PDB file of N, CA and C in Angstrom:
ATOM      1  N   MET A   1     -87.193  56.849  84.494  1.00  0.00           N
ATOM      2  CA  MET A   1     -86.929  57.065  85.861  1.00  0.00           C
ATOM      3  C   MET A   1     -88.076  57.849  86.455  1.00  0.00           C
ATOM      4  N   ASP A   2     -88.611  57.484  87.596  1.00  0.00           N
ATOM      5  CA  ASP A   2     -89.719  58.184  88.246  1.00  0.00           C
ATOM      6  C   ASP A   2     -89.132  59.298  89.140  1.00  0.00           C
ATOM      7  N   ALA A   3     -90.019  60.035  89.658  1.00  0.00           N
ATOM      8  CA  ALA A   3     -89.625  61.238  90.534  1.00  0.00           C
ATOM      9  C   ALA A   3     -88.845  60.838  91.788  1.00  0.00           C
ATOM     10  N   VAL A   4     -89.161  59.745  92.391  1.00  0.00           N
ATOM     11  CA  VAL A   4     -88.484  59.281  93.626  1.00  0.00           C
ATOM     12  C   VAL A   4     -86.976  58.918  93.307  1.00  0.00           C
ATOM     13  N   ASN A   5     -86.828  58.194  92.231  1.00  0.00           N
ATOM     14  CA  ASN A   5     -85.501  57.811  91.802  1.00  0.00           C
ATOM     15  C   ASN A   5     -84.611  59.038  91.424  1.00  0.00           C
ATOM     16  N   THR A   6     -85.283  59.937  90.782  1.00  0.00           N
ATOM     17  CA  THR A   6     -84.520  61.180  90.407  1.00  0.00           C
ATOM     18  C   THR A   6     -84.137  61.925  91.727  1.00  0.00           C
ATOM     19  N   LEU A   7     -85.029  62.055  92.599  1.00  0.00           N
ATOM     20  CA  LEU A   7     -84.711  62.731  93.880  1.00  0.00           C
ATOM     21  C   LEU A   7     -83.577  62.088  94.624  1.00  0.00           C
ATOM     22  N   VAL A   8     -83.579  60.751  94.662  1.00  0.00           N
ATOM     23  CA  VAL A   8     -82.510  60.021  95.324  1.00  0.00           C
ATOM     24  C   VAL A   8     -81.243  60.247  94.620  1.00  0.00           C
ATOM     25  N   CYS A   9     -81.224  60.175  93.280  1.00  0.00           N
ATOM     26  CA  CYS A   9     -79.965  60.425  92.522  1.00  0.00           C
ATOM     27  C   CYS A   9     -79.424  61.891  92.777  1.00  0.00           C
ATOM     28  N   VAL A  10     -80.321  62.868  92.776  1.00  0.00           N
ATOM     29  CA  VAL A  10     -79.878  64.276  93.006  1.00  0.00           C
ATOM     30  C   VAL A  10     -79.295  64.387  94.417  1.00  0.00           C
ATOM     31  N   ALA A  11     -79.920  63.730  95.370  1.00  0.00           N
ATOM     32  CA  ALA A  11     -79.470  63.817  96.792  1.00  0.00           C
ATOM     33  C   ALA A  11     -78.125  63.153  96.869  1.00  0.00           C
ATOM     34  N   PHE A  12     -77.964  62.014  96.231  1.00  0.00           N
ATOM     35  CA  PHE A  12     -76.621  61.325  96.255  1.00  0.00           C
ATOM     36  C   PHE A  12     -75.457  62.226  95.641  1.00  0.00           C
ATOM     37  N   VAL A  13     -75.815  62.777  94.477  1.00  0.00           N
ATOM     38  CA  VAL A  13     -74.829  63.644  93.846  1.00  0.00           C
ATOM     39  C   VAL A  13     -74.405  64.852  94.679  1.00  0.00           C
ATOM     40  N   ALA A  14     -75.450  65.473  95.335  1.00  0.00           N
ATOM     41  CA  ALA A  14     -75.201  66.556  96.234  1.00  0.00           C
ATOM     42  C   ALA A  14     -74.378  66.157  97.404  1.00  0.00           C
ATOM     43  N   TRP A  15     -74.642  64.949  97.963  1.00  0.00           N
ATOM     44  CA  TRP A  15     -73.837  64.426  99.107  1.00  0.00           C
ATOM     45  C   TRP A  15     -72.426  64.212  98.608  1.00  0.00           C
ATOM     46  N   ALA A  16     -72.280  63.553  97.530  1.00  0.00           N
ATOM     47  CA  ALA A  16     -70.953  63.275  97.041  1.00  0.00           C
ATOM     48  C   ALA A  16     -70.096  64.555  96.745  1.00  0.00           C
ATOM     49  N   GLY A  17     -70.799  65.517  96.149  1.00  0.00           N
ATOM     50  CA  GLY A  17     -70.148  66.826  95.981  1.00  0.00           C
ATOM     51  C   GLY A  17     -69.687  67.527  97.200  1.00  0.00           C
ATOM     52  N   GLN A  18     -70.583  67.458  98.205  1.00  0.00           N
ATOM     53  CA  GLN A  18     -70.244  68.070  99.547  1.00  0.00           C
ATOM     54  C   GLN A  18     -69.109  67.334 100.153  1.00  0.00           C
ATOM     55  N   THR A  19     -69.003  66.050 100.030  1.00  0.00           N
ATOM     56  CA  THR A  19     -67.905  65.265 100.579  1.00  0.00           C
ATOM     57  C   THR A  19     -66.546  65.624  99.932  1.00  0.00           C
ATOM     58  N   VAL A  20     -66.575  65.778  98.523  1.00  0.00           N
ATOM     59  CA  VAL A  20     -65.336  66.033  97.794  1.00  0.00           C
ATOM     60  C   VAL A  20     -64.926  67.460  98.145  1.00  0.00           C
ATOM     61  N   LEU A  21     -65.870  68.395  98.173  1.00  0.00           N
ATOM     62  CA  LEU A  21     -65.481  69.807  98.529  1.00  0.00           C
ATOM     63  C   LEU A  21     -64.943  69.991  99.928  1.00  0.00           C
ATOM     64  N   GLY A  22     -65.565  69.266 100.865  1.00  0.00           N
ATOM     65  CA  GLY A  22     -65.073  69.285 102.256  1.00  0.00           C
ATOM     66  C   GLY A  22     -63.654  68.697 102.344  1.00  0.00           C
ATOM     67  N   TRP A  23     -63.380  67.686 101.682  1.00  0.00           N
ATOM     68  CA  TRP A  23     -62.068  67.067 101.622  1.00  0.00           C
ATOM     69  C   TRP A  23     -61.043  68.033 101.076  1.00  0.00           C
ATOM     70  N   LEU A  24     -61.433  68.737  99.997  1.00  0.00           N
ATOM     71  CA  LEU A  24     -60.534  69.743  99.430  1.00  0.00           C
ATOM     72  C   LEU A  24     -60.259  70.920 100.352  1.00  0.00           C
ATOM     73  N   GLN A  25     -61.285  71.312 101.098  1.00  0.00           N
ATOM     74  CA  GLN A  25     -61.051  72.348 102.122  1.00  0.00           C
ATOM     75  C   GLN A  25     -60.151  71.936 103.275  1.00  0.00           C
ATOM     76  N   ILE A  26     -60.286  70.707 103.693  1.00  0.00           N
ATOM     77  CA  ILE A  26     -59.442  70.190 104.757  1.00  0.00           C
ATOM     78  C   ILE A  26     -58.049  70.090 104.229  1.00  0.00           C
ATOM     79  N   ASN A  27     -57.871  69.644 103.044  1.00  0.00           N
ATOM     80  CA  ASN A  27     -56.499  69.660 102.330  1.00  0.00           C
ATOM     81  C   ASN A  27     -55.895  70.967 102.353  1.00  0.00           C
ATOM     82  N   ARG A  28     -56.643  72.022 101.884  1.00  0.00           N
ATOM     83  CA  ARG A  28     -56.091  73.347 101.848  1.00  0.00           C
ATOM     84  C   ARG A  28     -55.672  73.840 103.274  1.00  0.00           C
ATOM     85  N   PHE A  29     -56.498  73.561 104.239  1.00  0.00           N
ATOM     86  CA  PHE A  29     -56.194  74.015 105.601  1.00  0.00           C
ATOM     87  C   PHE A  29     -54.925  73.290 106.090  1.00  0.00           C
ATOM     88  N   ASN A  30     -54.816  72.008 105.856  1.00  0.00           N
ATOM     89  CA  ASN A  30     -53.717  71.225 106.289  1.00  0.00           C
ATOM     90  C   ASN A  30     -52.364  71.729 105.650  1.00  0.00           C
ATOM     91  N   ARG A  31     -52.421  72.004 104.332  1.00  0.00           N
ATOM     92  CA  ARG A  31     -51.219  72.553 103.696  1.00  0.00           C
ATOM     93  C   ARG A  31     -50.801  73.876 104.233  1.00  0.00           C
ATOM     94  N   ALA A  32     -51.806  74.729 104.446  1.00  0.00           N
ATOM     95  CA  ALA A  32     -51.518  76.067 105.047  1.00  0.00           C
ATOM     96  C   ALA A  32     -50.924  75.989 106.414  1.00  0.00           C
ATOM     97  N   LEU A  33     -51.452  74.965 107.191  1.00  0.00           N
ATOM     98  CA  LEU A  33     -50.999  74.846 108.587  1.00  0.00           C
ATOM     99  C   LEU A  33     -49.542  74.285 108.552  1.00  0.00           C
ATOM    100  N   ALA A  34     -49.324  73.352 107.648  1.00  0.00           N
ATOM    101  CA  ALA A  34     -47.874  72.748 107.605  1.00  0.00           C
ATOM    102  C   ALA A  34     -46.872  73.824 107.180  1.00  0.00           C
ATOM    103  N   SER A  35     -47.251  74.661 106.214  1.00  0.00           N
ATOM    104  CA  SER A  35     -46.313  75.778 105.824  1.00  0.00           C
ATOM    105  C   SER A  35     -46.152  76.827 106.989  1.00  0.00           C
ATOM    106  N   LEU A  36     -47.208  77.002 107.773  1.00  0.00           N
ATOM    107  CA  LEU A  36     -47.072  77.940 108.843  1.00  0.00           C
ATOM    108  C   LEU A  36     -46.268  77.449 109.975  1.00  0.00           C
ATOM    109  N   SER A  37     -46.272  76.127 110.185  1.00  0.00           N
ATOM    110  CA  SER A  37     -45.501  75.505 111.268  1.00  0.00           C
ATOM    111  C   SER A  37     -44.032  75.619 110.972  1.00  0.00           C
ATOM    112  N   ASP A  38     -43.610  75.860 109.737  1.00  0.00           N
ATOM    113  CA  ASP A  38     -42.196  76.010 109.507  1.00  0.00           C
ATOM    114  C   ASP A  38     -41.660  77.380 110.021  1.00  0.00           C
ATOM    115  N   ASN A  39     -42.602  78.357 110.214  1.00  0.00           N
ATOM    116  CA  ASN A  39     -42.193  79.651 110.678  1.00  0.00           C
ATOM    117  C   ASN A  39     -42.062  79.850 112.169  1.00  0.00           C
ATOM    118  N   GLY A  40     -42.684  78.965 112.963  1.00  0.00           N
ATOM    119  CA  GLY A  40     -42.601  79.079 114.396  1.00  0.00           C
ATOM    120  C   GLY A  40     -43.707  78.275 115.062  1.00  0.00           C
ATOM    121  N   ARG A  41     -43.883  78.574 116.318  1.00  0.00           N
ATOM    122  CA  ARG A  41     -44.945  77.861 117.111  1.00  0.00           C
ATOM    123  C   ARG A  41     -46.301  78.306 116.644  1.00  0.00           C
ATOM    124  N   VAL A  42     -47.248  77.360 116.463  1.00  0.00           N
ATOM    125  CA  VAL A  42     -48.432  77.680 115.797  1.00  0.00           C
ATOM    126  C   VAL A  42     -49.552  77.817 116.942  1.00  0.00           C
ATOM    127  N   ARG A  43     -50.339  78.849 116.887  1.00  0.00           N
ATOM    128  CA  ARG A  43     -51.505  78.960 117.715  1.00  0.00           C
ATOM    129  C   ARG A  43     -52.822  79.070 116.956  1.00  0.00           C
ATOM    130  N   ILE A  44     -53.828  78.441 117.350  1.00  0.00           N
ATOM    131  CA  ILE A  44     -55.038  78.407 116.569  1.00  0.00           C
ATOM    132  C   ILE A  44     -56.220  78.901 117.406  1.00  0.00           C
ATOM    133  N   GLY A  45     -57.051  79.746 116.849  1.00  0.00           N
ATOM    134  CA  GLY A  45     -58.292  80.113 117.490  1.00  0.00           C
ATOM    135  C   GLY A  45     -59.410  80.076 116.522  1.00  0.00           C
ATOM    136  N   ARG A  46     -60.685  79.956 117.067  1.00  0.00           N
ATOM    137  CA  ARG A  46     -61.777  79.858 116.157  1.00  0.00           C
ATOM    138  C   ARG A  46     -62.947  80.575 116.845  1.00  0.00           C
ATOM    139  N   SER A  47     -63.892  81.083 116.001  1.00  0.00           N
ATOM    140  CA  SER A  47     -65.020  81.634 116.660  1.00  0.00           C
ATOM    141  C   SER A  47     -66.129  80.577 116.916  1.00  0.00           C
ATOM    142  N   SER A  48     -66.995  80.883 117.763  1.00  0.00           N
ATOM    143  CA  SER A  48     -68.112  79.926 118.007  1.00  0.00           C
ATOM    144  C   SER A  48     -69.398  80.362 117.320  1.00  0.00           C
ATOM    145  N   GLY A  49     -70.375  79.523 117.384  1.00  0.00           N
ATOM    146  CA  GLY A  49     -71.674  79.840 116.846  1.00  0.00           C
ATOM    147  C   GLY A  49     -72.178  78.791 115.946  1.00  0.00           C
ATOM    148  N   ARG A  50     -73.449  78.594 115.977  1.00  0.00           N
ATOM    149  CA  ARG A  50     -73.984  77.526 115.149  1.00  0.00           C
ATOM    150  C   ARG A  50     -74.547  78.004 113.850  1.00  0.00           C
ATOM    151  N   PHE A  51     -75.183  79.160 113.782  1.00  0.00           N
ATOM    152  CA  PHE A  51     -75.859  79.639 112.622  1.00  0.00           C
ATOM    153  C   PHE A  51     -75.157  80.888 111.968  1.00  0.00           C
ATOM    154  N   ARG A  52     -74.030  81.158 112.372  1.00  0.00           N
ATOM    155  CA  ARG A  52     -73.329  82.309 111.766  1.00  0.00           C
ATOM    156  C   ARG A  52     -72.010  81.874 111.170  1.00  0.00           C
ATOM    157  N   PRO A  53     -71.357  82.584 110.263  1.00  0.00           N
ATOM    158  CA  PRO A  53     -70.137  82.197 109.682  1.00  0.00           C
ATOM    159  C   PRO A  53     -69.037  81.982 110.685  1.00  0.00           C
ATOM    160  N   ARG A  54     -68.320  81.036 110.593  1.00  0.00           N
ATOM    161  CA  ARG A  54     -67.198  80.844 111.541  1.00  0.00           C
ATOM    162  C   ARG A  54     -65.946  81.332 110.956  1.00  0.00           C
ATOM    163  N   VAL A  55     -65.028  81.579 111.923  1.00  0.00           N
ATOM    164  CA  VAL A  55     -63.638  82.052 111.513  1.00  0.00           C
ATOM    165  C   VAL A  55     -62.637  81.255 112.205  1.00  0.00           C
ATOM    166  N   VAL A  56     -61.667  80.709 111.435  1.00  0.00           N
ATOM    167  CA  VAL A  56     -60.545  79.997 112.032  1.00  0.00           C
ATOM    168  C   VAL A  56     -59.270  80.848 111.758  1.00  0.00           C
ATOM    169  N   LEU A  57     -58.506  81.122 112.769  1.00  0.00           N
ATOM    170  CA  LEU A  57     -57.319  81.901 112.650  1.00  0.00           C
ATOM    171  C   LEU A  57     -56.130  81.105 113.162  1.00  0.00           C
ATOM    172  N   ALA A  58     -54.989  81.124 112.461  1.00  0.00           N
ATOM    173  CA  ALA A  58     -53.818  80.399 112.871  1.00  0.00           C
ATOM    174  C   ALA A  58     -52.629  81.398 112.862  1.00  0.00           C
ATOM    175  N   LEU A  59     -51.856  81.439 113.863  1.00  0.00           N
ATOM    176  CA  LEU A  59     -50.754  82.358 114.030  1.00  0.00           C
ATOM    177  C   LEU A  59     -49.457  81.472 114.132  1.00  0.00           C
ATOM    178  N   ALA A  60     -48.428  81.939 113.563  1.00  0.00           N
ATOM    179  CA  ALA A  60     -47.081  81.384 113.739  1.00  0.00           C
ATOM    180  C   ALA A  60     -46.290  82.417 114.597  1.00  0.00           C
ATOM    181  N   VAL A  61     -45.819  82.024 115.733  1.00  0.00           N
ATOM    182  CA  VAL A  61     -45.096  83.003 116.611  1.00  0.00           C
ATOM    183  C   VAL A  61     -43.728  82.494 116.841  1.00  0.00           C
ATOM    184  N   ASN A  62     -42.745  83.409 116.692  1.00  0.00           N
ATOM    185  CA  ASN A  62     -41.360  83.031 116.966  1.00  0.00           C
ATOM    186  C   ASN A  62     -41.005  83.062 118.396  1.00  0.00           C
ATOM    187  N   GLU A  63     -39.776  82.832 118.707  1.00  0.00           N
ATOM    188  CA  GLU A  63     -39.285  82.690 120.162  1.00  0.00           C
ATOM    189  C   GLU A  63     -39.453  84.125 120.844  1.00  0.00           C
ATOM    190  N   GLU A  64     -39.377  85.210 120.064  1.00  0.00           N
ATOM    191  CA  GLU A  64     -39.511  86.510 120.703  1.00  0.00           C
ATOM    192  C   GLU A  64     -40.953  86.936 120.987  1.00  0.00           C
ATOM    193  N   GLY A  65     -41.909  86.148 120.484  1.00  0.00           N
ATOM    194  CA  GLY A  65     -43.265  86.511 120.679  1.00  0.00           C
ATOM    195  C   GLY A  65     -43.845  87.383 119.508  1.00  0.00           C
ATOM    196  N   ARG A  66     -43.108  87.435 118.414  1.00  0.00           N
ATOM    197  CA  ARG A  66     -43.509  88.195 117.218  1.00  0.00           C
ATOM    198  C   ARG A  66     -44.215  87.215 116.236  1.00  0.00           C
ATOM    199  N   ILE A  67     -45.366  87.709 115.745  1.00  0.00           N
ATOM    200  CA  ILE A  67     -46.109  86.953 114.698  1.00  0.00           C
ATOM    201  C   ILE A  67     -45.354  87.025 113.363  1.00  0.00           C
ATOM    202  N   CYS A  68     -44.918  85.856 112.940  1.00  0.00           N
ATOM    203  CA  CYS A  68     -44.149  85.740 111.660  1.00  0.00           C
ATOM    204  C   CYS A  68     -44.924  85.088 110.513  1.00  0.00           C
ATOM    205  N   GLY A  69     -46.184  84.746 110.740  1.00  0.00           N
ATOM    206  CA  GLY A  69     -46.995  84.260 109.745  1.00  0.00           C
ATOM    207  C   GLY A  69     -48.442  83.910 110.263  1.00  0.00           C
ATOM    208  N   ASN A  70     -49.397  84.057 109.512  1.00  0.00           N
ATOM    209  CA  ASN A  70     -50.791  83.735 109.811  1.00  0.00           C
ATOM    210  C   ASN A  70     -51.624  83.483 108.663  1.00  0.00           C
ATOM    211  N   PHE A  71     -52.858  82.944 109.003  1.00  0.00           N
ATOM    212  CA  PHE A  71     -53.878  82.791 107.948  1.00  0.00           C
ATOM    213  C   PHE A  71     -55.289  82.784 108.608  1.00  0.00           C
ATOM    214  N   VAL A  72     -56.245  83.137 107.838  1.00  0.00           N
ATOM    215  CA  VAL A  72     -57.627  83.224 108.411  1.00  0.00           C
ATOM    216  C   VAL A  72     -58.484  82.489 107.331  1.00  0.00           C
ATOM    217  N   MET A  73     -59.388  81.669 107.859  1.00  0.00           N
ATOM    218  CA  MET A  73     -60.416  81.001 107.025  1.00  0.00           C
ATOM    219  C   MET A  73     -61.716  81.519 107.563  1.00  0.00           C
ATOM    220  N   LYS A  74     -62.566  82.247 106.710  1.00  0.00           N
ATOM    221  CA  LYS A  74     -63.864  82.776 107.097  1.00  0.00           C
ATOM    222  C   LYS A  74     -64.836  82.159 106.231  1.00  0.00           C
ATOM    223  N   GLY A  75     -66.045  81.946 106.768  1.00  0.00           N
ATOM    224  CA  GLY A  75     -67.192  81.589 105.926  1.00  0.00           C
ATOM    225  C   GLY A  75     -67.972  80.435 106.439  1.00  0.00           C
ATOM    226  N   ILE A  76     -69.068  80.131 105.720  1.00  0.00           N
ATOM    227  CA  ILE A  76     -70.001  79.169 106.099  1.00  0.00           C
ATOM    228  C   ILE A  76     -69.979  78.006 105.112  1.00  0.00           C
ATOM    229  N   THR A  77     -69.299  78.114 103.936  1.00  0.00           N
ATOM    230  CA  THR A  77     -69.301  77.153 102.926  1.00  0.00           C
ATOM    231  C   THR A  77     -67.929  76.421 102.835  1.00  0.00           C
ATOM    232  N   VAL A  78     -67.859  75.383 101.980  1.00  0.00           N
ATOM    233  CA  VAL A  78     -66.594  74.707 101.800  1.00  0.00           C
ATOM    234  C   VAL A  78     -65.694  75.393 100.860  1.00  0.00           C
ATOM    235  N   PHE A  79     -66.115  76.550 100.385  1.00  0.00           N
ATOM    236  CA  PHE A  79     -65.281  77.326  99.469  1.00  0.00           C
ATOM    237  C   PHE A  79     -64.330  78.273 100.090  1.00  0.00           C
ATOM    238  N   SER A  80     -64.304  78.420 101.412  1.00  0.00           N
ATOM    239  CA  SER A  80     -63.380  79.322 102.169  1.00  0.00           C
ATOM    240  C   SER A  80     -61.923  78.798 102.011  1.00  0.00           C
ATOM    241  N   ARG A  81     -61.076  79.662 101.866  1.00  0.00           N
ATOM    242  CA  ARG A  81     -59.637  79.371 101.728  1.00  0.00           C
ATOM    243  C   ARG A  81     -58.799  80.129 102.666  1.00  0.00           C
ATOM    244  N   PRO A  82     -57.658  79.631 103.028  1.00  0.00           N
ATOM    245  CA  PRO A  82     -56.726  80.324 103.925  1.00  0.00           C
ATOM    246  C   PRO A  82     -56.231  81.566 103.283  1.00  0.00           C
ATOM    247  N   VAL A  83     -56.428  82.680 103.957  1.00  0.00           N
ATOM    248  CA  VAL A  83     -56.018  84.008 103.476  1.00  0.00           C
ATOM    249  C   VAL A  83     -55.112  84.682 104.487  1.00  0.00           C
ATOM    250  N   THR A  84     -54.040  85.276 104.169  1.00  0.00           N
ATOM    251  CA  THR A  84     -53.114  86.010 105.082  1.00  0.00           C
ATOM    252  C   THR A  84     -53.811  87.276 105.498  1.00  0.00           C
ATOM    253  N   GLU A  85     -53.802  87.595 106.774  1.00  0.00           N
ATOM    254  CA  GLU A  85     -54.391  88.796 107.331  1.00  0.00           C
ATOM    255  C   GLU A  85     -53.195  89.682 107.599  1.00  0.00           C
ATOM    256  N   TYR A  86     -52.980  90.714 106.779  1.00  0.00           N
ATOM    257  CA  TYR A  86     -51.776  91.575 106.778  1.00  0.00           C
ATOM    258  C   TYR A  86     -51.778  92.519 108.015  1.00  0.00           C
ATOM    259  N   ARG A  87     -52.898  92.763 108.699  1.00  0.00           N
ATOM    260  CA  ARG A  87     -52.915  93.610 109.843  1.00  0.00           C
ATOM    261  C   ARG A  87     -52.238  92.940 111.066  1.00  0.00           C
ATOM    262  N   LEU A  88     -52.045  91.612 110.957  1.00  0.00           N
ATOM    263  CA  LEU A  88     -51.340  90.881 112.066  1.00  0.00           C
ATOM    264  C   LEU A  88     -49.859  90.642 111.810  1.00  0.00           C
ATOM    265  N   ALA A  89     -49.401  90.898 110.606  1.00  0.00           N
ATOM    266  CA  ALA A  89     -48.039  90.621 110.231  1.00  0.00           C
ATOM    267  C   ALA A  89     -47.032  91.433 111.089  1.00  0.00           C
ATOM    268  N   ASP A  90     -46.008  90.722 111.599  1.00  0.00           N
ATOM    269  CA  ASP A  90     -44.934  91.375 112.306  1.00  0.00           C
ATOM    270  C   ASP A  90     -45.275  92.112 113.531  1.00  0.00           C
ATOM    271  N   LYS A  91     -46.338  91.768 114.200  1.00  0.00           N
ATOM    272  CA  LYS A  91     -46.738  92.333 115.454  1.00  0.00           C
ATOM    273  C   LYS A  91     -46.354  91.426 116.670  1.00  0.00           C
ATOM    274  N   MET A  92     -46.082  92.106 117.738  1.00  0.00           N
ATOM    275  CA  MET A  92     -45.784  91.377 118.985  1.00  0.00           C
ATOM    276  C   MET A  92     -47.065  90.818 119.569  1.00  0.00           C
ATOM    277  N   LEU A  93     -47.040  89.605 120.069  1.00  0.00           N
ATOM    278  CA  LEU A  93     -48.249  88.941 120.520  1.00  0.00           C
ATOM    279  C   LEU A  93     -48.836  89.643 121.725  1.00  0.00           C
ATOM    280  N   ASN A  94     -47.983  90.154 122.580  1.00  0.00           N
ATOM    281  CA  ASN A  94     -48.433  90.873 123.815  1.00  0.00           C
ATOM    282  C   ASN A  94     -49.017  92.210 123.565  1.00  0.00           C
ATOM    283  N   ASP A  95     -48.695  92.728 122.461  1.00  0.00           N
ATOM    284  CA  ASP A  95     -49.206  94.074 122.073  1.00  0.00           C
ATOM    285  C   ASP A  95     -50.546  94.120 121.255  1.00  0.00           C
ATOM    286  N   ILE A  96     -51.059  93.004 120.983  1.00  0.00           N
ATOM    287  CA  ILE A  96     -52.248  92.903 120.135  1.00  0.00           C
ATOM    288  C   ILE A  96     -53.527  93.067 120.989  1.00  0.00           C
ATOM    289  N   CYS A  97     -54.379  93.945 120.489  1.00  0.00           N
ATOM    290  CA  CYS A  97     -55.744  94.123 121.123  1.00  0.00           C
ATOM    291  C   CYS A  97     -56.770  93.824 120.016  1.00  0.00           C
ATOM    292  N   PRO A  98     -57.442  92.721 120.057  1.00  0.00           N
ATOM    293  CA  PRO A  98     -58.330  92.314 119.001  1.00  0.00           C
ATOM    294  C   PRO A  98     -59.430  93.353 118.721  1.00  0.00           C
ATOM    295  N   GLY A  99     -59.922  94.006 119.730  1.00  0.00           N
ATOM    296  CA  GLY A  99     -61.018  95.024 119.501  1.00  0.00           C
ATOM    297  C   GLY A  99     -60.567  96.200 118.655  1.00  0.00           C
ATOM    298  N   THR A 100     -59.246  96.488 118.801  1.00  0.00           N
ATOM    299  CA  THR A 100     -58.821  97.706 117.908  1.00  0.00           C
ATOM    300  C   THR A 100     -58.355  97.221 116.603  1.00  0.00           C
ATOM    301  N   LEU A 101     -57.909  96.064 116.449  1.00  0.00           N
ATOM    302  CA  LEU A 101     -57.432  95.536 115.146  1.00  0.00           C
ATOM    303  C   LEU A 101     -58.690  95.219 114.221  1.00  0.00           C
ATOM    304  N   PHE A 102     -59.716  94.680 114.790  1.00  0.00           N
ATOM    305  CA  PHE A 102     -60.903  94.229 114.027  1.00  0.00           C
ATOM    306  C   PHE A 102     -62.117  94.806 114.661  1.00  0.00           C
ATOM    307  N   PRO A 103     -62.394  96.128 114.624  1.00  0.00           N
ATOM    308  CA  PRO A 103     -63.533  96.711 115.329  1.00  0.00           C
ATOM    309  C   PRO A 103     -64.922  96.212 114.941  1.00  0.00           C
ATOM    310  N   GLY A 104     -65.031  95.844 113.659  1.00  0.00           N
ATOM    311  CA  GLY A 104     -66.328  95.482 113.106  1.00  0.00           C
ATOM    312  C   GLY A 104     -66.592  93.970 112.960  1.00  0.00           C
ATOM    313  N   ASN A 105     -65.594  93.198 113.355  1.00  0.00           N
ATOM    314  CA  ASN A 105     -65.688  91.777 113.135  1.00  0.00           C
ATOM    315  C   ASN A 105     -65.583  90.958 114.454  1.00  0.00           C
ATOM    316  N   LYS A 106     -66.768  90.689 115.103  1.00  0.00           N
ATOM    317  CA  LYS A 106     -66.738  90.051 116.416  1.00  0.00           C
ATOM    318  C   LYS A 106     -66.221  88.608 116.298  1.00  0.00           C
ATOM    319  N   ALA A 107     -66.403  87.904 115.250  1.00  0.00           N
ATOM    320  CA  ALA A 107     -66.031  86.573 115.026  1.00  0.00           C
ATOM    321  C   ALA A 107     -64.449  86.470 114.957  1.00  0.00           C
ATOM    322  N   LEU A 108     -63.892  87.464 114.232  1.00  0.00           N
ATOM    323  CA  LEU A 108     -62.453  87.466 114.066  1.00  0.00           C
ATOM    324  C   LEU A 108     -61.814  87.939 115.419  1.00  0.00           C
ATOM    325  N   GLN A 109     -62.472  88.800 116.172  1.00  0.00           N
ATOM    326  CA  GLN A 109     -61.958  89.181 117.526  1.00  0.00           C
ATOM    327  C   GLN A 109     -61.883  87.936 118.458  1.00  0.00           C
ATOM    328  N   GLU A 110     -62.989  87.235 118.411  1.00  0.00           N
ATOM    329  CA  GLU A 110     -63.045  86.021 119.226  1.00  0.00           C
ATOM    330  C   GLU A 110     -62.009  85.006 118.963  1.00  0.00           C
ATOM    331  N   ALA A 111     -61.773  84.794 117.603  1.00  0.00           N
ATOM    332  CA  ALA A 111     -60.764  83.823 117.183  1.00  0.00           C
ATOM    333  C   ALA A 111     -59.374  84.261 117.548  1.00  0.00           C
ATOM    334  N   LEU A 112     -59.058  85.613 117.381  1.00  0.00           N
ATOM    335  CA  LEU A 112     -57.790  86.122 117.719  1.00  0.00           C
ATOM    336  C   LEU A 112     -57.524  86.059 119.239  1.00  0.00           C
ATOM    337  N   THR A 113     -58.608  86.321 120.000  1.00  0.00           N
ATOM    338  CA  THR A 113     -58.522  86.190 121.500  1.00  0.00           C
ATOM    339  C   THR A 113     -58.153  84.822 121.930  1.00  0.00           C
ATOM    340  N   LEU A 114     -58.799  83.862 121.336  1.00  0.00           N
ATOM    341  CA  LEU A 114     -58.479  82.435 121.650  1.00  0.00           C
ATOM    342  C   LEU A 114     -57.077  82.025 121.216  1.00  0.00           C
ATOM    343  N   ALA A 115     -56.619  82.509 120.076  1.00  0.00           N
ATOM    344  CA  ALA A 115     -55.257  82.230 119.538  1.00  0.00           C
ATOM    345  C   ALA A 115     -54.277  82.856 120.495  1.00  0.00           C
ATOM    346  N   ILE A 116     -54.507  84.063 120.962  1.00  0.00           N
ATOM    347  CA  ILE A 116     -53.522  84.694 121.772  1.00  0.00           C
ATOM    348  C   ILE A 116     -53.416  83.964 123.195  1.00  0.00           C
ATOM    349  N   SER A 117     -54.616  83.668 123.768  1.00  0.00           N
ATOM    350  CA  SER A 117     -54.678  83.029 125.046  1.00  0.00           C
ATOM    351  C   SER A 117     -54.233  81.565 125.032  1.00  0.00           C
ATOM    352  N   ASN A 118     -54.358  80.960 123.781  1.00  0.00           N
ATOM    353  CA  ASN A 118     -53.973  79.519 123.602  1.00  0.00           C
ATOM    354  C   ASN A 118     -54.678  78.584 124.453  1.00  0.00           C
ATOM    355  N   LYS A 119     -55.924  78.790 124.779  1.00  0.00           N
ATOM    356  CA  LYS A 119     -56.703  77.798 125.532  1.00  0.00           C
ATOM    357  C   LYS A 119     -57.049  76.682 124.646  1.00  0.00           C
ATOM    358  N   ARG A 120     -57.101  75.509 125.218  1.00  0.00           N
ATOM    359  CA  ARG A 120     -57.422  74.248 124.412  1.00  0.00           C
ATOM    360  C   ARG A 120     -58.779  73.847 124.727  1.00  0.00           C
TER     361      ARG A 120
END
């Protein structure tokens, strides 16, 4: 096999691996979202940006406006997983101030602000 065929094979294997890992990440997100929707109404927020790690935040809010479940996915790779953010557990939605909860994380502040405002 010459160098061109080797390069094509390596590129194909990398592409197939990226596809499989992306599918696994979407599966993990969908399972976490389905389990979160059992707890209450779901609100989702995400940070913006092209070349910095993104954050996706999902909140489950009950009828009283209290957060009864959440998860955060942070990162730039397909290896990020849904993780519960314990600082948000059992807080009233109206009493949350993203700047005081996450003072050093602008991306998480932006995602939380969008989840609270529930803009689409």
